[in-house]
Amino acid sequence: MTDKKENLPAARSSGMFDDFRKEMDRMMERFFGDAATTAAARTGFPSLTTVGAVRPAIDITENDKAITLTAELPGMSEEEVDLTVSDGMLTLKGEKTVSHESKQDHSVVIERNYGSFYRSFPVPDQVDQDAIAAKFEKGVLKVTMPKKPGSAKTERKIKVGG
């Protein structure tokens, strides 16, 4: 046994770990979807939980009167969707099930996603939680969260320096 450290080429040793990290990232993105991190960074509304293979695409928009969350839920009916608000969190749950035309049908390729999902979003303080309303039309859920009167954001410039 020797005290000398093995001299591995820098590219080989760091590349091996970089490749491993990249593969782990790809695996996590395939399982959870890569929209989780980008949506949180873009909107400030992080998705806290997702279960199963279904991950509804979500858009969140805001104007002076309301915040609107739109979720794409193709192939689902409003009876299969559960929407709740509790303790400042808006939670969207549902399950998209596999349906086959007949027992003789054999799947060759399945690209559509099936499974359950669970997504939660923090509801900002300026939203009137008692006035939240939702509509479901053609596989699209639209949740309107009206703002409380007088909750307009104020902005002021802060001088940076000593």
C-alpha atoms as a PDB file:
ATOM      1  CA  MET A   1       0.000   0.000   0.000  1.00  0.00           C
ATOM      2  CA  THR A   2       1.316   3.453  -0.833  1.00  0.00           C
ATOM      3  CA  ASP A   3       0.591   7.011   0.322  1.00  0.00           C
ATOM      4  CA  LYS A   4       0.590   8.303  -3.250  1.00  0.00           C
ATOM      5  CA  LYS A   5      -2.762   9.281  -4.719  1.00  0.00           C
ATOM      6  CA  GLU A   6      -3.626   7.615  -7.953  1.00  0.00           C
ATOM      7  CA  ASN A   7      -3.191  10.061 -10.806  1.00  0.00           C
ATOM      8  CA  LEU A   8      -6.286   9.771 -12.959  1.00  0.00           C
ATOM      9  CA  PRO A   9      -6.615  12.059 -15.942  1.00  0.00           C
ATOM     10  CA  ALA A  10      -8.759  15.038 -14.905  1.00  0.00           C
ATOM     11  CA  ALA A  11     -11.106  14.673 -17.870  1.00  0.00           C
ATOM     12  CA  ARG A  12     -11.724  11.005 -17.120  1.00  0.00           C
ATOM     13  CA  SER A  13     -12.366  11.388 -13.397  1.00  0.00           C
ATOM     14  CA  SER A  14     -14.606  14.474 -13.607  1.00  0.00           C
ATOM     15  CA  GLY A  15     -16.276  13.275 -16.806  1.00  0.00           C
ATOM     16  CA  MET A  16     -17.303  10.041 -15.160  1.00  0.00           C
ATOM     17  CA  PHE A  17     -19.139  11.899 -12.385  1.00  0.00           C
ATOM     18  CA  ASP A  18     -20.565  14.481 -14.795  1.00  0.00           C
ATOM     19  CA  ASP A  19     -21.954  11.683 -16.961  1.00  0.00           C
ATOM     20  CA  PHE A  20     -23.468  10.008 -13.897  1.00  0.00           C
ATOM     21  CA  ARG A  21     -25.068  13.287 -12.724  1.00  0.00           C
ATOM     22  CA  LYS A  22     -26.464  14.012 -16.193  1.00  0.00           C
ATOM     23  CA  GLU A  23     -27.942  10.527 -16.446  1.00  0.00           C
ATOM     24  CA  MET A  24     -29.539  10.896 -13.002  1.00  0.00           C
ATOM     25  CA  ASP A  25     -30.982  14.282 -14.067  1.00  0.00           C
ATOM     26  CA  ARG A  26     -32.412  12.731 -17.242  1.00  0.00           C
ATOM     27  CA  MET A  27     -33.929   9.884 -15.248  1.00  0.00           C
ATOM     28  CA  MET A  28     -35.567  12.293 -12.773  1.00  0.00           C
ATOM     29  CA  GLU A  29     -36.914  14.435 -15.632  1.00  0.00           C
ATOM     30  CA  ARG A  30     -38.401  11.367 -17.329  1.00  0.00           C
ATOM     31  CA  PHE A  31     -40.054  10.287 -14.086  1.00  0.00           C
ATOM     32  CA  PHE A  32     -41.229  13.644 -12.678  1.00  0.00           C
ATOM     33  CA  GLY A  33     -41.159  15.842 -15.791  1.00  0.00           C
ATOM     34  CA  ASP A  34     -38.790  18.747 -16.307  1.00  0.00           C
ATOM     35  CA  ALA A  35     -41.583  21.332 -16.053  1.00  0.00           C
ATOM     36  CA  ALA A  36     -41.467  21.265 -12.246  1.00  0.00           C
ATOM     37  CA  THR A  37     -38.295  23.306 -11.897  1.00  0.00           C
ATOM     38  CA  THR A  38     -38.884  25.637 -14.833  1.00  0.00           C
ATOM     39  CA  ALA A  39     -42.490  26.409 -13.823  1.00  0.00           C
ATOM     40  CA  ALA A  40     -41.426  27.237 -10.284  1.00  0.00           C
ATOM     41  CA  ALA A  41     -38.667  29.552 -11.485  1.00  0.00           C
ATOM     42  CA  ARG A  42     -40.940  31.286 -14.015  1.00  0.00           C
ATOM     43  CA  THR A  43     -44.069  31.740 -11.922  1.00  0.00           C
ATOM     44  CA  GLY A  44     -43.076  31.612  -8.297  1.00  0.00           C
ATOM     45  CA  PHE A  45     -45.822  28.981  -7.896  1.00  0.00           C
ATOM     46  CA  PRO A  46     -43.882  25.773  -7.299  1.00  0.00           C
ATOM     47  CA  SER A  47     -45.589  22.471  -7.861  1.00  0.00           C
ATOM     48  CA  LEU A  48     -45.106  20.630  -4.622  1.00  0.00           C
ATOM     49  CA  THR A  49     -46.191  17.094  -5.417  1.00  0.00           C
ATOM     50  CA  THR A  50     -46.760  14.917  -8.436  1.00  0.00           C
ATOM     51  CA  VAL A  51     -47.690  11.242  -8.311  1.00  0.00           C
ATOM     52  CA  GLY A  52     -47.851   8.796 -11.219  1.00  0.00           C
ATOM     53  CA  ALA A  53     -47.317   9.316 -14.906  1.00  0.00           C
ATOM     54  CA  VAL A  54     -49.750  12.188 -15.507  1.00  0.00           C
ATOM     55  CA  ARG A  55     -48.442  15.712 -15.136  1.00  0.00           C
ATOM     56  CA  PRO A  56     -50.997  18.293 -16.287  1.00  0.00           C
ATOM     57  CA  ALA A  57     -49.543  21.303 -18.069  1.00  0.00           C
ATOM     58  CA  ILE A  58     -50.275  24.431 -16.015  1.00  0.00           C
ATOM     59  CA  ASP A  59     -50.323  28.121 -16.970  1.00  0.00           C
ATOM     60  CA  ILE A  60     -50.656  30.836 -14.323  1.00  0.00           C
ATOM     61  CA  THR A  61     -51.459  34.389 -15.370  1.00  0.00           C
ATOM     62  CA  GLU A  62     -52.161  37.517 -13.366  1.00  0.00           C
ATOM     63  CA  ASN A  63     -53.826  40.855 -13.990  1.00  0.00           C
ATOM     64  CA  ASP A  64     -55.064  43.647 -11.717  1.00  0.00           C
ATOM     65  CA  LYS A  65     -58.263  41.793 -10.810  1.00  0.00           C
ATOM     66  CA  ALA A  66     -57.345  38.100 -10.562  1.00  0.00           C
ATOM     67  CA  ILE A  67     -54.845  35.284 -10.824  1.00  0.00           C
ATOM     68  CA  THR A  68     -55.870  32.554 -13.257  1.00  0.00           C
ATOM     69  CA  LEU A  69     -54.605  28.979 -13.276  1.00  0.00           C
ATOM     70  CA  THR A  70     -55.281  26.978 -16.437  1.00  0.00           C
ATOM     71  CA  ALA A  71     -54.641  23.219 -16.489  1.00  0.00           C
ATOM     72  CA  GLU A  72     -54.736  20.979 -19.540  1.00  0.00           C
ATOM     73  CA  LEU A  73     -56.526  17.733 -18.670  1.00  0.00           C
ATOM     74  CA  PRO A  74     -57.202  16.096 -22.045  1.00  0.00           C
ATOM     75  CA  GLY A  75     -59.394  13.032 -22.010  1.00  0.00           C
ATOM     76  CA  MET A  76     -60.707  13.765 -18.526  1.00  0.00           C
ATOM     77  CA  SER A  77     -64.131  14.863 -17.359  1.00  0.00           C
ATOM     78  CA  GLU A  78     -64.864  17.297 -14.555  1.00  0.00           C
ATOM     79  CA  GLU A  79     -66.054  14.387 -12.396  1.00  0.00           C
ATOM     80  CA  GLU A  80     -62.500  12.971 -12.468  1.00  0.00           C
ATOM     81  CA  VAL A  81     -60.978  16.210 -11.154  1.00  0.00           C
ATOM     82  CA  ASP A  82     -60.823  17.242  -7.490  1.00  0.00           C
ATOM     83  CA  LEU A  83     -59.987  20.876  -6.697  1.00  0.00           C
ATOM     84  CA  THR A  84     -59.668  22.132  -3.113  1.00  0.00           C
ATOM     85  CA  VAL A  85     -58.325  25.144  -1.255  1.00  0.00           C
ATOM     86  CA  SER A  86     -57.120  24.729   2.314  1.00  0.00           C
ATOM     87  CA  ASP A  87     -54.599  26.512   4.517  1.00  0.00           C
ATOM     88  CA  GLY A  88     -53.487  28.784   1.698  1.00  0.00           C
ATOM     89  CA  MET A  89     -52.906  25.956  -0.781  1.00  0.00           C
ATOM     90  CA  LEU A  90     -54.829  25.213  -3.973  1.00  0.00           C
ATOM     91  CA  THR A  91     -54.693  21.469  -4.686  1.00  0.00           C
ATOM     92  CA  LEU A  92     -55.569  19.788  -7.964  1.00  0.00           C
ATOM     93  CA  LYS A  93     -55.990  15.998  -7.915  1.00  0.00           C
ATOM     94  CA  GLY A  94     -57.263  13.476 -10.386  1.00  0.00           C
ATOM     95  CA  GLU A  95     -56.754  10.194 -12.115  1.00  0.00           C
ATOM     96  CA  LYS A  96     -56.667   9.385 -15.795  1.00  0.00           C
ATOM     97  CA  THR A  97     -57.505   5.729 -16.320  1.00  0.00           C
ATOM     98  CA  VAL A  98     -56.684   3.398 -19.206  1.00  0.00           C
ATOM     99  CA  SER A  99     -59.685   2.326 -21.215  1.00  0.00           C
ATOM    100  CA  HIS A 100     -59.668  -0.275 -23.976  1.00  0.00           C
ATOM    101  CA  GLU A 101     -62.358  -0.743 -26.598  1.00  0.00           C
ATOM    102  CA  SER A 102     -62.552  -4.523 -26.187  1.00  0.00           C
ATOM    103  CA  LYS A 103     -60.809  -7.510 -24.629  1.00  0.00           C
ATOM    104  CA  GLN A 104     -59.435  -8.479 -28.061  1.00  0.00           C
ATOM    105  CA  ASP A 105     -57.468  -5.224 -28.429  1.00  0.00           C
ATOM    106  CA  HIS A 106     -53.758  -5.601 -27.746  1.00  0.00           C
ATOM    107  CA  SER A 107     -51.635  -2.510 -27.088  1.00  0.00           C
ATOM    108  CA  VAL A 108     -48.672  -2.139 -29.381  1.00  0.00           C
ATOM    109  CA  VAL A 109     -47.639   1.412 -28.505  1.00  0.00           C
ATOM    110  CA  ILE A 110     -48.970   3.529 -25.653  1.00  0.00           C
ATOM    111  CA  GLU A 111     -47.751   7.133 -25.620  1.00  0.00           C
ATOM    112  CA  ARG A 112     -50.656   8.654 -23.720  1.00  0.00           C
ATOM    113  CA  ASN A 113     -50.121   9.147 -19.997  1.00  0.00           C
ATOM    114  CA  TYR A 114     -52.278   7.397 -17.419  1.00  0.00           C
ATOM    115  CA  GLY A 115     -52.230   7.495 -13.664  1.00  0.00           C
ATOM    116  CA  SER A 116     -53.005   9.779 -10.782  1.00  0.00           C
ATOM    117  CA  PHE A 117     -51.708  13.268 -10.176  1.00  0.00           C
ATOM    118  CA  TYR A 118     -51.597  15.654  -7.251  1.00  0.00           C
ATOM    119  CA  ARG A 119     -50.375  19.231  -7.625  1.00  0.00           C
ATOM    120  CA  SER A 120     -50.459  21.974  -5.006  1.00  0.00           C
ATOM    121  CA  PHE A 121     -49.882  25.691  -5.402  1.00  0.00           C
ATOM    122  CA  PRO A 122     -49.631  28.390  -2.727  1.00  0.00           C
ATOM    123  CA  VAL A 123     -52.471  30.916  -2.919  1.00  0.00           C
ATOM    124  CA  PRO A 124     -51.114  34.471  -2.490  1.00  0.00           C
ATOM    125  CA  ASP A 125     -52.460  36.549   0.418  1.00  0.00           C
ATOM    126  CA  GLN A 126     -54.051  39.034  -1.980  1.00  0.00           C
ATOM    127  CA  VAL A 127     -56.497  36.367  -3.267  1.00  0.00           C
ATOM    128  CA  ASP A 128     -60.040  36.203  -1.871  1.00  0.00           C
ATOM    129  CA  GLN A 129     -60.133  32.449  -1.181  1.00  0.00           C
ATOM    130  CA  ASP A 130     -63.931  32.465  -0.711  1.00  0.00           C
ATOM    131  CA  ALA A 131     -64.400  33.779  -4.263  1.00  0.00           C
ATOM    132  CA  ILE A 132     -62.253  31.214  -6.111  1.00  0.00           C
ATOM    133  CA  ALA A 133     -64.224  29.677  -8.998  1.00  0.00           C
ATOM    134  CA  ALA A 134     -63.482  26.990 -11.579  1.00  0.00           C
ATOM    135  CA  LYS A 135     -64.795  26.058 -15.016  1.00  0.00           C
ATOM    136  CA  PHE A 136     -64.061  22.912 -16.998  1.00  0.00           C
ATOM    137  CA  GLU A 137     -64.508  22.906 -20.762  1.00  0.00           C
ATOM    138  CA  LYS A 138     -63.086  20.658 -23.490  1.00  0.00           C
ATOM    139  CA  GLY A 139     -60.417  19.143 -21.228  1.00  0.00           C
ATOM    140  CA  VAL A 140     -59.224  22.491 -19.881  1.00  0.00           C
ATOM    141  CA  LEU A 141     -59.703  23.523 -16.252  1.00  0.00           C
ATOM    142  CA  LYS A 142     -59.707  27.271 -15.621  1.00  0.00           C
ATOM    143  CA  VAL A 143     -59.453  28.416 -11.993  1.00  0.00           C
ATOM    144  CA  THR A 144     -60.081  32.114 -11.359  1.00  0.00           C
ATOM    145  CA  MET A 145     -58.768  33.533  -8.087  1.00  0.00           C
ATOM    146  CA  PRO A 146     -60.106  37.089  -7.660  1.00  0.00           C
ATOM    147  CA  LYS A 147     -57.951  39.501  -5.714  1.00  0.00           C
ATOM    148  CA  LYS A 148     -59.226  41.196  -2.568  1.00  0.00           C
ATOM    149  CA  PRO A 149     -60.268  44.837  -3.031  1.00  0.00           C
ATOM    150  CA  GLY A 150     -57.400  47.218  -2.362  1.00  0.00           C
ATOM    151  CA  SER A 151     -54.726  44.545  -2.731  1.00  0.00           C
ATOM    152  CA  ALA A 152     -52.933  46.192  -5.632  1.00  0.00           C
ATOM    153  CA  LYS A 153     -49.188  45.719  -5.494  1.00  0.00           C
ATOM    154  CA  THR A 154     -47.187  48.778  -4.657  1.00  0.00           C
ATOM    155  CA  GLU A 155     -43.658  49.200  -5.868  1.00  0.00           C
ATOM    156  CA  ARG A 156     -40.942  51.573  -4.794  1.00  0.00           C
ATOM    157  CA  LYS A 157     -37.371  52.018  -5.865  1.00  0.00           C
ATOM    158  CA  ILE A 158     -34.782  51.256  -3.197  1.00  0.00           C
ATOM    159  CA  LYS A 159     -31.493  53.059  -3.438  1.00  0.00           C
ATOM    160  CA  VAL A 160     -28.517  50.751  -3.358  1.00  0.00           C
ATOM    161  CA  GLY A 161     -25.386  52.126  -1.823  1.00  0.00           C
ATOM    162  CA  GLY A 162     -23.748  53.327   1.340  1.00  0.00           C
END
